Amino acid sequence: MPYLIQLLPMVLVLVVFYAILIIPDRKRRKQYGEMLKNLKVNDEIMTKGGIIGKIVNLQDDYIILESGPDRARIKLSRQGIGSLVNQKEDNK
């Protein structure tokens, strides 16, 4: 019985660690994966490097991004996408 009492603080620390770090990270990863699956042409995105542009072509593993005043095109891995900047609503 005293061994169980000594293990209780360690078990509590592990439970708190799981609740604070692992559960929110799983949620963020799930949202990121859904965002990558739902990308469409003309969505405005920001890359993980900070480049903002519009998607002009979608492939399975990469996208073509158009950015800047001279409309430079950049081939980018889908994993390089950071977030959606402006998502167009289909119901308008």
PDB file of N, CA and C in Angstrom:
ATOM      1  N   MET A   1       0.804  -1.207   0.000  1.00  0.00           N
ATOM      2  CA  MET A   1       0.000   0.000   0.000  1.00  0.00           C
ATOM      3  C   MET A   1       0.845   1.267   0.000  1.00  0.00           C
ATOM      4  N   PRO A   2       1.926   1.344   0.778  1.00  0.00           N
ATOM      5  CA  PRO A   2       2.717   2.577   0.746  1.00  0.00           C
ATOM      6  C   PRO A   2       3.362   2.806  -0.623  1.00  0.00           C
ATOM      7  N   TYR A   3       3.593   1.730  -1.393  1.00  0.00           N
ATOM      8  CA  TYR A   3       4.178   1.898  -2.725  1.00  0.00           C
ATOM      9  C   TYR A   3       3.198   2.615  -3.657  1.00  0.00           C
ATOM     10  N   LEU A   4       1.931   2.300  -3.517  1.00  0.00           N
ATOM     11  CA  LEU A   4       0.918   2.954  -4.343  1.00  0.00           C
ATOM     12  C   LEU A   4       0.814   4.438  -4.020  1.00  0.00           C
ATOM     13  N   ILE A   5       0.953   4.775  -2.762  1.00  0.00           N
ATOM     14  CA  ILE A   5       0.900   6.181  -2.359  1.00  0.00           C
ATOM     15  C   ILE A   5       2.105   6.936  -2.920  1.00  0.00           C
ATOM     16  N   GLN A   6       3.252   6.298  -2.990  1.00  0.00           N
ATOM     17  CA  GLN A   6       4.443   6.935  -3.554  1.00  0.00           C
ATOM     18  C   GLN A   6       4.309   7.121  -5.069  1.00  0.00           C
ATOM     19  N   LEU A   7       3.600   6.235  -5.742  1.00  0.00           N
ATOM     20  CA  LEU A   7       3.423   6.336  -7.193  1.00  0.00           C
ATOM     21  C   LEU A   7       2.326   7.319  -7.595  1.00  0.00           C
ATOM     22  N   LEU A   8       1.442   7.636  -6.691  1.00  0.00           N
ATOM     23  CA  LEU A   8       0.320   8.503  -7.003  1.00  0.00           C
ATOM     24  C   LEU A   8       0.737   9.871  -7.551  1.00  0.00           C
ATOM     25  N   PRO A   9       1.707  10.573  -6.965  1.00  0.00           N
ATOM     26  CA  PRO A   9       2.105  11.869  -7.540  1.00  0.00           C
ATOM     27  C   PRO A   9       2.631  11.744  -8.980  1.00  0.00           C
ATOM     28  N   MET A  10       3.381  10.691  -9.268  1.00  0.00           N
ATOM     29  CA  MET A  10       3.908  10.508 -10.622  1.00  0.00           C
ATOM     30  C   MET A  10       2.773  10.251 -11.611  1.00  0.00           C
ATOM     31  N   VAL A  11       1.812   9.453 -11.211  1.00  0.00           N
ATOM     32  CA  VAL A  11       0.660   9.183 -12.074  1.00  0.00           C
ATOM     33  C   VAL A  11      -0.124  10.471 -12.322  1.00  0.00           C
ATOM     34  N   LEU A  12      -0.312  11.274 -11.295  1.00  0.00           N
ATOM     35  CA  LEU A  12      -1.018  12.545 -11.456  1.00  0.00           C
ATOM     36  C   LEU A  12      -0.270  13.487 -12.397  1.00  0.00           C
ATOM     37  N   VAL A  13       1.051  13.538 -12.299  1.00  0.00           N
ATOM     38  CA  VAL A  13       1.851  14.373 -13.197  1.00  0.00           C
ATOM     39  C   VAL A  13       1.676  13.910 -14.641  1.00  0.00           C
ATOM     40  N   LEU A  14       1.691  12.620 -14.879  1.00  0.00           N
ATOM     41  CA  LEU A  14       1.508  12.095 -16.233  1.00  0.00           C
ATOM     42  C   LEU A  14       0.119  12.416 -16.783  1.00  0.00           C
ATOM     43  N   VAL A  15      -0.896  12.316 -15.959  1.00  0.00           N
ATOM     44  CA  VAL A  15      -2.256  12.631 -16.396  1.00  0.00           C
ATOM     45  C   VAL A  15      -2.370  14.114 -16.750  1.00  0.00           C
ATOM     46  N   VAL A  16      -1.808  14.979 -15.927  1.00  0.00           N
ATOM     47  CA  VAL A  16      -1.840  16.421 -16.205  1.00  0.00           C
ATOM     48  C   VAL A  16      -1.048  16.730 -17.469  1.00  0.00           C
ATOM     49  N   PHE A  17       0.106  16.125 -17.630  1.00  0.00           N
ATOM     50  CA  PHE A  17       0.921  16.308 -18.833  1.00  0.00           C
ATOM     51  C   PHE A  17       0.125  15.919 -20.074  1.00  0.00           C
ATOM     52  N   TYR A  18      -0.538  14.795 -20.027  1.00  0.00           N
ATOM     53  CA  TYR A  18      -1.346  14.323 -21.152  1.00  0.00           C
ATOM     54  C   TYR A  18      -2.469  15.312 -21.464  1.00  0.00           C
ATOM     55  N   ALA A  19      -3.147  15.777 -20.428  1.00  0.00           N
ATOM     56  CA  ALA A  19      -4.288  16.671 -20.624  1.00  0.00           C
ATOM     57  C   ALA A  19      -3.867  18.040 -21.143  1.00  0.00           C
ATOM     58  N   ILE A  20      -2.725  18.537 -20.714  1.00  0.00           N
ATOM     59  CA  ILE A  20      -2.297  19.885 -21.097  1.00  0.00           C
ATOM     60  C   ILE A  20      -1.588  19.908 -22.442  1.00  0.00           C
ATOM     61  N   LEU A  21      -0.787  18.913 -22.746  1.00  0.00           N
ATOM     62  CA  LEU A  21       0.026  18.958 -23.960  1.00  0.00           C
ATOM     63  C   LEU A  21      -0.472  18.077 -25.099  1.00  0.00           C
ATOM     64  N   ILE A  22      -0.821  16.877 -24.841  1.00  0.00           N
ATOM     65  CA  ILE A  22      -1.088  15.924 -25.921  1.00  0.00           C
ATOM     66  C   ILE A  22      -2.482  16.100 -26.521  1.00  0.00           C
ATOM     67  N   ILE A  23      -3.496  16.296 -25.726  1.00  0.00           N
ATOM     68  CA  ILE A  23      -4.857  16.433 -26.256  1.00  0.00           C
ATOM     69  C   ILE A  23      -4.994  17.665 -27.156  1.00  0.00           C
ATOM     70  N   PRO A  24      -4.538  18.860 -26.751  1.00  0.00           N
ATOM     71  CA  PRO A  24      -4.646  20.018 -27.653  1.00  0.00           C
ATOM     72  C   PRO A  24      -3.819  19.861 -28.930  1.00  0.00           C
ATOM     73  N   ASP A  25      -2.664  19.188 -28.841  1.00  0.00           N
ATOM     74  CA  ASP A  25      -1.841  18.981 -30.031  1.00  0.00           C
ATOM     75  C   ASP A  25      -2.549  18.074 -31.032  1.00  0.00           C
ATOM     76  N   ARG A  26      -3.220  17.048 -30.560  1.00  0.00           N
ATOM     77  CA  ARG A  26      -3.988  16.174 -31.456  1.00  0.00           C
ATOM     78  C   ARG A  26      -5.093  16.957 -32.159  1.00  0.00           C
ATOM     79  N   LYS A  27      -5.742  17.840 -31.418  1.00  0.00           N
ATOM     80  CA  LYS A  27      -6.817  18.646 -31.993  1.00  0.00           C
ATOM     81  C   LYS A  27      -6.266  19.573 -33.080  1.00  0.00           C
ATOM     82  N   ARG A  28      -5.128  20.219 -32.814  1.00  0.00           N
ATOM     83  CA  ARG A  28      -4.510  21.105 -33.811  1.00  0.00           C
ATOM     84  C   ARG A  28      -4.107  20.333 -35.059  1.00  0.00           C
ATOM     85  N   ARG A  29      -3.529  19.152 -34.885  1.00  0.00           N
ATOM     86  CA  ARG A  29      -3.129  18.336 -36.038  1.00  0.00           C
ATOM     87  C   ARG A  29      -4.336  17.918 -36.866  1.00  0.00           C
ATOM     88  N   LYS A  30      -5.419  17.576 -36.213  1.00  0.00           N
ATOM     89  CA  LYS A  30      -6.630  17.181 -36.927  1.00  0.00           C
ATOM     90  C   LYS A  30      -7.180  18.359 -37.729  1.00  0.00           C
ATOM     91  N   GLN A  31      -7.234  19.549 -37.130  1.00  0.00           N
ATOM     92  CA  GLN A  31      -7.716  20.733 -37.834  1.00  0.00           C
ATOM     93  C   GLN A  31      -6.814  21.076 -39.011  1.00  0.00           C
ATOM     94  N   TYR A  32      -5.496  20.946 -38.842  1.00  0.00           N
ATOM     95  CA  TYR A  32      -4.547  21.229 -39.914  1.00  0.00           C
ATOM     96  C   TYR A  32      -4.739  20.249 -41.071  1.00  0.00           C
ATOM     97  N   GLY A  33      -4.918  18.974 -40.764  1.00  0.00           N
ATOM     98  CA  GLY A  33      -5.152  17.975 -41.801  1.00  0.00           C
ATOM     99  C   GLY A  33      -6.438  18.235 -42.568  1.00  0.00           C
ATOM    100  N   GLU A  34      -7.497  18.629 -41.867  1.00  0.00           N
ATOM    101  CA  GLU A  34      -8.756  18.958 -42.531  1.00  0.00           C
ATOM    102  C   GLU A  34      -8.597  20.187 -43.415  1.00  0.00           C
ATOM    103  N   MET A  35      -7.841  21.180 -42.948  1.00  0.00           N
ATOM    104  CA  MET A  35      -7.609  22.376 -43.748  1.00  0.00           C
ATOM    105  C   MET A  35      -6.867  22.018 -45.032  1.00  0.00           C
ATOM    106  N   LEU A  36      -5.866  21.142 -44.948  1.00  0.00           N
ATOM    107  CA  LEU A  36      -5.122  20.736 -46.141  1.00  0.00           C
ATOM    108  C   LEU A  36      -6.015  19.974 -47.117  1.00  0.00           C
ATOM    109  N   LYS A  37      -6.913  19.135 -46.606  1.00  0.00           N
ATOM    110  CA  LYS A  37      -7.800  18.370 -47.483  1.00  0.00           C
ATOM    111  C   LYS A  37      -8.823  19.262 -48.177  1.00  0.00           C
ATOM    112  N   ASN A  38      -9.219  20.355 -47.536  1.00  0.00           N
ATOM    113  CA  ASN A  38     -10.284  21.207 -48.061  1.00  0.00           C
ATOM    114  C   ASN A  38      -9.780  22.395 -48.871  1.00  0.00           C
ATOM    115  N   LEU A  39      -8.507  22.425 -49.226  1.00  0.00           N
ATOM    116  CA  LEU A  39      -7.988  23.531 -50.030  1.00  0.00           C
ATOM    117  C   LEU A  39      -8.606  23.513 -51.417  1.00  0.00           C
ATOM    118  N   LYS A  40      -8.838  24.722 -51.954  1.00  0.00           N
ATOM    119  CA  LYS A  40      -9.404  24.862 -53.289  1.00  0.00           C
ATOM    120  C   LYS A  40      -8.600  25.909 -54.055  1.00  0.00           C
ATOM    121  N   VAL A  41      -8.731  25.878 -55.383  1.00  0.00           N
ATOM    122  CA  VAL A  41      -8.121  26.902 -56.222  1.00  0.00           C
ATOM    123  C   VAL A  41      -8.731  28.252 -55.835  1.00  0.00           C
ATOM    124  N   ASN A  42      -7.913  29.289 -55.827  1.00  0.00           N
ATOM    125  CA  ASN A  42      -8.249  30.672 -55.466  1.00  0.00           C
ATOM    126  C   ASN A  42      -8.312  30.908 -53.960  1.00  0.00           C
ATOM    127  N   ASP A  43      -8.033  29.913 -53.124  1.00  0.00           N
ATOM    128  CA  ASP A  43      -7.903  30.162 -51.689  1.00  0.00           C
ATOM    129  C   ASP A  43      -6.620  30.941 -51.461  1.00  0.00           C
ATOM    130  N   GLU A  44      -6.672  31.909 -50.564  1.00  0.00           N
ATOM    131  CA  GLU A  44      -5.486  32.681 -50.217  1.00  0.00           C
ATOM    132  C   GLU A  44      -4.873  32.058 -48.967  1.00  0.00           C
ATOM    133  N   ILE A  45      -3.577  31.735 -49.052  1.00  0.00           N
ATOM    134  CA  ILE A  45      -2.908  31.045 -47.955  1.00  0.00           C
ATOM    135  C   ILE A  45      -1.638  31.779 -47.550  1.00  0.00           C
ATOM    136  N   MET A  46      -1.133  31.423 -46.375  1.00  0.00           N
ATOM    137  CA  MET A  46       0.178  31.879 -45.927  1.00  0.00           C
ATOM    138  C   MET A  46       1.026  30.641 -45.696  1.00  0.00           C
ATOM    139  N   THR A  47       2.241  30.648 -46.263  1.00  0.00           N
ATOM    140  CA  THR A  47       3.134  29.514 -46.069  1.00  0.00           C
ATOM    141  C   THR A  47       3.752  29.582 -44.683  1.00  0.00           C
ATOM    142  N   LYS A  48       4.403  28.514 -44.279  1.00  0.00           N
ATOM    143  CA  LYS A  48       5.090  28.509 -42.988  1.00  0.00           C
ATOM    144  C   LYS A  48       6.246  29.495 -42.976  1.00  0.00           C
ATOM    145  N   GLY A  49       6.735  29.870 -44.163  1.00  0.00           N
ATOM    146  CA  GLY A  49       7.805  30.856 -44.276  1.00  0.00           C
ATOM    147  C   GLY A  49       7.307  32.286 -44.333  1.00  0.00           C
ATOM    148  N   GLY A  50       5.986  32.493 -44.368  1.00  0.00           N
ATOM    149  CA  GLY A  50       5.418  33.829 -44.342  1.00  0.00           C
ATOM    150  C   GLY A  50       5.005  34.381 -45.696  1.00  0.00           C
ATOM    151  N   ILE A  51       5.132  33.615 -46.764  1.00  0.00           N
ATOM    152  CA  ILE A  51       4.734  34.075 -48.093  1.00  0.00           C
ATOM    153  C   ILE A  51       3.219  33.941 -48.218  1.00  0.00           C
ATOM    154  N   ILE A  52       2.579  35.014 -48.675  1.00  0.00           N
ATOM    155  CA  ILE A  52       1.134  35.006 -48.865  1.00  0.00           C
ATOM    156  C   ILE A  52       0.849  34.971 -50.354  1.00  0.00           C
ATOM    157  N   GLY A  53      -0.071  34.112 -50.761  1.00  0.00           N
ATOM    158  CA  GLY A  53      -0.415  34.016 -52.167  1.00  0.00           C
ATOM    159  C   GLY A  53      -1.706  33.262 -52.378  1.00  0.00           C
ATOM    160  N   LYS A  54      -2.072  33.154 -53.657  1.00  0.00           N
ATOM    161  CA  LYS A  54      -3.318  32.508 -54.053  1.00  0.00           C
ATOM    162  C   LYS A  54      -2.999  31.193 -54.748  1.00  0.00           C
ATOM    163  N   ILE A  55      -3.749  30.149 -54.430  1.00  0.00           N
ATOM    164  CA  ILE A  55      -3.555  28.841 -55.055  1.00  0.00           C
ATOM    165  C   ILE A  55      -4.088  28.896 -56.482  1.00  0.00           C
ATOM    166  N   VAL A  56      -3.241  28.519 -57.450  1.00  0.00           N
ATOM    167  CA  VAL A  56      -3.686  28.474 -58.843  1.00  0.00           C
ATOM    168  C   VAL A  56      -3.777  27.048 -59.370  1.00  0.00           C
ATOM    169  N   ASN A  57      -3.142  26.090 -58.692  1.00  0.00           N
ATOM    170  CA  ASN A  57      -3.187  24.697 -59.135  1.00  0.00           C
ATOM    171  C   ASN A  57      -2.980  23.795 -57.923  1.00  0.00           C
ATOM    172  N   LEU A  58      -3.762  22.737 -57.840  1.00  0.00           N
ATOM    173  CA  LEU A  58      -3.654  21.765 -56.745  1.00  0.00           C
ATOM    174  C   LEU A  58      -3.284  20.403 -57.304  1.00  0.00           C
ATOM    175  N   GLN A  59      -2.311  19.760 -56.683  1.00  0.00           N
ATOM    176  CA  GLN A  59      -1.941  18.385 -56.997  1.00  0.00           C
ATOM    177  C   GLN A  59      -2.021  17.591 -55.695  1.00  0.00           C
ATOM    178  N   ASP A  60      -1.745  16.298 -55.759  1.00  0.00           N
ATOM    179  CA  ASP A  60      -1.817  15.473 -54.550  1.00  0.00           C
ATOM    180  C   ASP A  60      -0.795  15.884 -53.499  1.00  0.00           C
ATOM    181  N   ASP A  61       0.460  16.088 -53.913  1.00  0.00           N
ATOM    182  CA  ASP A  61       1.539  16.358 -52.964  1.00  0.00           C
ATOM    183  C   ASP A  61       1.985  17.809 -52.916  1.00  0.00           C
ATOM    184  N   TYR A  62       1.609  18.611 -53.901  1.00  0.00           N
ATOM    185  CA  TYR A  62       2.078  19.988 -53.934  1.00  0.00           C
ATOM    186  C   TYR A  62       1.013  20.912 -54.512  1.00  0.00           C
ATOM    187  N   ILE A  63       1.265  22.218 -54.377  1.00  0.00           N
ATOM    188  CA  ILE A  63       0.392  23.238 -54.951  1.00  0.00           C
ATOM    189  C   ILE A  63       1.245  24.219 -55.739  1.00  0.00           C
ATOM    190  N   ILE A  64       0.604  24.971 -56.610  1.00  0.00           N
ATOM    191  CA  ILE A  64       1.249  26.091 -57.281  1.00  0.00           C
ATOM    192  C   ILE A  64       0.621  27.343 -56.684  1.00  0.00           C
ATOM    193  N   LEU A  65       1.468  28.215 -56.158  1.00  0.00           N
ATOM    194  CA  LEU A  65       1.053  29.419 -55.459  1.00  0.00           C
ATOM    195  C   LEU A  65       1.442  30.623 -56.294  1.00  0.00           C
ATOM    196  N   GLU A  66       0.538  31.579 -56.450  1.00  0.00           N
ATOM    197  CA  GLU A  66       0.822  32.814 -57.183  1.00  0.00           C
ATOM    198  C   GLU A  66       0.928  33.933 -56.156  1.00  0.00           C
ATOM    199  N   SER A  67       2.049  34.672 -56.193  1.00  0.00           N
ATOM    200  CA  SER A  67       2.294  35.666 -55.163  1.00  0.00           C
ATOM    201  C   SER A  67       2.989  36.889 -55.741  1.00  0.00           C
ATOM    202  N   GLY A  68       2.749  38.031 -55.122  1.00  0.00           N
ATOM    203  CA  GLY A  68       3.450  39.251 -55.483  1.00  0.00           C
ATOM    204  C   GLY A  68       2.799  40.015 -56.618  1.00  0.00           C
ATOM    205  N   PRO A  69       3.247  41.266 -56.823  1.00  0.00           N
ATOM    206  CA  PRO A  69       2.656  42.101 -57.875  1.00  0.00           C
ATOM    207  C   PRO A  69       2.951  41.598 -59.286  1.00  0.00           C
ATOM    208  N   ASP A  70       4.062  40.886 -59.464  1.00  0.00           N
ATOM    209  CA  ASP A  70       4.386  40.356 -60.789  1.00  0.00           C
ATOM    210  C   ASP A  70       3.886  38.922 -60.969  1.00  0.00           C
ATOM    211  N   ARG A  71       3.052  38.456 -60.046  1.00  0.00           N
ATOM    212  CA  ARG A  71       2.409  37.141 -60.102  1.00  0.00           C
ATOM    213  C   ARG A  71       3.403  35.990 -60.242  1.00  0.00           C
ATOM    214  N   ALA A  72       4.437  36.022 -59.441  1.00  0.00           N
ATOM    215  CA  ALA A  72       5.422  34.933 -59.442  1.00  0.00           C
ATOM    216  C   ALA A  72       4.744  33.650 -58.973  1.00  0.00           C
ATOM    217  N   ARG A  73       5.075  32.547 -59.620  1.00  0.00           N
ATOM    218  CA  ARG A  73       4.491  31.254 -59.255  1.00  0.00           C
ATOM    219  C   ARG A  73       5.523  30.422 -58.517  1.00  0.00           C
ATOM    220  N   ILE A  74       5.065  29.801 -57.437  1.00  0.00           N
ATOM    221  CA  ILE A  74       5.940  29.018 -56.569  1.00  0.00           C
ATOM    222  C   ILE A  74       5.329  27.629 -56.417  1.00  0.00           C
ATOM    223  N   LYS A  75       6.131  26.594 -56.652  1.00  0.00           N
ATOM    224  CA  LYS A  75       5.691  25.220 -56.411  1.00  0.00           C
ATOM    225  C   LYS A  75       6.026  24.897 -54.961  1.00  0.00           C
ATOM    226  N   LEU A  76       5.033  24.449 -54.223  1.00  0.00           N
ATOM    227  CA  LEU A  76       5.173  24.296 -52.781  1.00  0.00           C
ATOM    228  C   LEU A  76       4.546  22.979 -52.332  1.00  0.00           C
ATOM    229  N   SER A  77       5.217  22.293 -51.430  1.00  0.00           N
ATOM    230  CA  SER A  77       4.649  21.093 -50.818  1.00  0.00           C
ATOM    231  C   SER A  77       3.429  21.485 -49.986  1.00  0.00           C
ATOM    232  N   ARG A  78       2.438  20.619 -49.937  1.00  0.00           N
ATOM    233  CA  ARG A  78       1.257  20.907 -49.113  1.00  0.00           C
ATOM    234  C   ARG A  78       1.632  21.084 -47.642  1.00  0.00           C
ATOM    235  N   GLN A  79       2.675  20.403 -47.208  1.00  0.00           N
ATOM    236  CA  GLN A  79       3.104  20.512 -45.811  1.00  0.00           C
ATOM    237  C   GLN A  79       3.724  21.870 -45.505  1.00  0.00           C
ATOM    238  N   GLY A  80       4.050  22.647 -46.527  1.00  0.00           N
ATOM    239  CA  GLY A  80       4.609  23.981 -46.335  1.00  0.00           C
ATOM    240  C   GLY A  80       3.562  25.048 -46.104  1.00  0.00           C
ATOM    241  N   ILE A  81       2.290  24.677 -46.195  1.00  0.00           N
ATOM    242  CA  ILE A  81       1.203  25.634 -45.996  1.00  0.00           C
ATOM    243  C   ILE A  81       1.006  25.843 -44.502  1.00  0.00           C
ATOM    244  N   GLY A  82       0.973  27.105 -44.097  1.00  0.00           N
ATOM    245  CA  GLY A  82       0.784  27.417 -42.687  1.00  0.00           C
ATOM    246  C   GLY A  82      -0.675  27.579 -42.313  1.00  0.00           C
ATOM    247  N   SER A  83      -1.396  28.436 -43.067  1.00  0.00           N
ATOM    248  CA  SER A  83      -2.793  28.694 -42.729  1.00  0.00           C
ATOM    249  C   SER A  83      -3.517  29.340 -43.896  1.00  0.00           C
ATOM    250  N   LEU A  84      -4.833  29.331 -43.812  1.00  0.00           N
ATOM    251  CA  LEU A  84      -5.663  30.058 -44.764  1.00  0.00           C
ATOM    252  C   LEU A  84      -5.728  31.507 -44.321  1.00  0.00           C
ATOM    253  N   VAL A  85      -5.532  32.432 -45.263  1.00  0.00           N
ATOM    254  CA  VAL A  85      -5.620  33.849 -44.931  1.00  0.00           C
ATOM    255  C   VAL A  85      -7.043  34.330 -45.130  1.00  0.00           C
ATOM    256  N   ASN A  86      -7.617  34.012 -46.277  1.00  0.00           N
ATOM    257  CA  ASN A  86      -8.955  34.472 -46.594  1.00  0.00           C
ATOM    258  C   ASN A  86      -9.695  33.338 -47.266  1.00  0.00           C
ATOM    259  N   GLN A  87     -10.621  32.749 -46.555  1.00  0.00           N
ATOM    260  CA  GLN A  87     -11.376  31.627 -47.105  1.00  0.00           C
ATOM    261  C   GLN A  87     -12.669  32.168 -47.696  1.00  0.00           C
ATOM    262  N   LYS A  88     -12.882  31.898 -48.998  1.00  0.00           N
ATOM    263  CA  LYS A  88     -14.097  32.367 -49.665  1.00  0.00           C
ATOM    264  C   LYS A  88     -15.268  31.490 -49.242  1.00  0.00           C
ATOM    265  N   GLU A  89     -16.408  32.129 -49.021  1.00  0.00           N
ATOM    266  CA  GLU A  89     -17.598  31.390 -48.617  1.00  0.00           C
ATOM    267  C   GLU A  89     -18.386  31.002 -49.855  1.00  0.00           C
ATOM    268  N   ASP A  90     -18.793  29.743 -49.931  1.00  0.00           N
ATOM    269  CA  ASP A  90     -19.525  29.244 -51.087  1.00  0.00           C
ATOM    270  C   ASP A  90     -20.997  29.643 -51.069  1.00  0.00           C
ATOM    271  N   ASN A  91     -21.520  30.012 -49.919  1.00  0.00           N
ATOM    272  CA  ASN A  91     -22.952  30.276 -49.833  1.00  0.00           C
ATOM    273  C   ASN A  91     -23.330  31.706 -50.201  1.00  0.00           C
ATOM    274  N   LYS A  92     -22.426  32.525 -50.650  1.00  0.00           N
ATOM    275  CA  LYS A  92     -22.755  33.897 -51.067  1.00  0.00           C
ATOM    276  C   LYS A  92     -23.155  33.938 -52.506  1.00  0.00           C
TER     277      LYS A  92
END
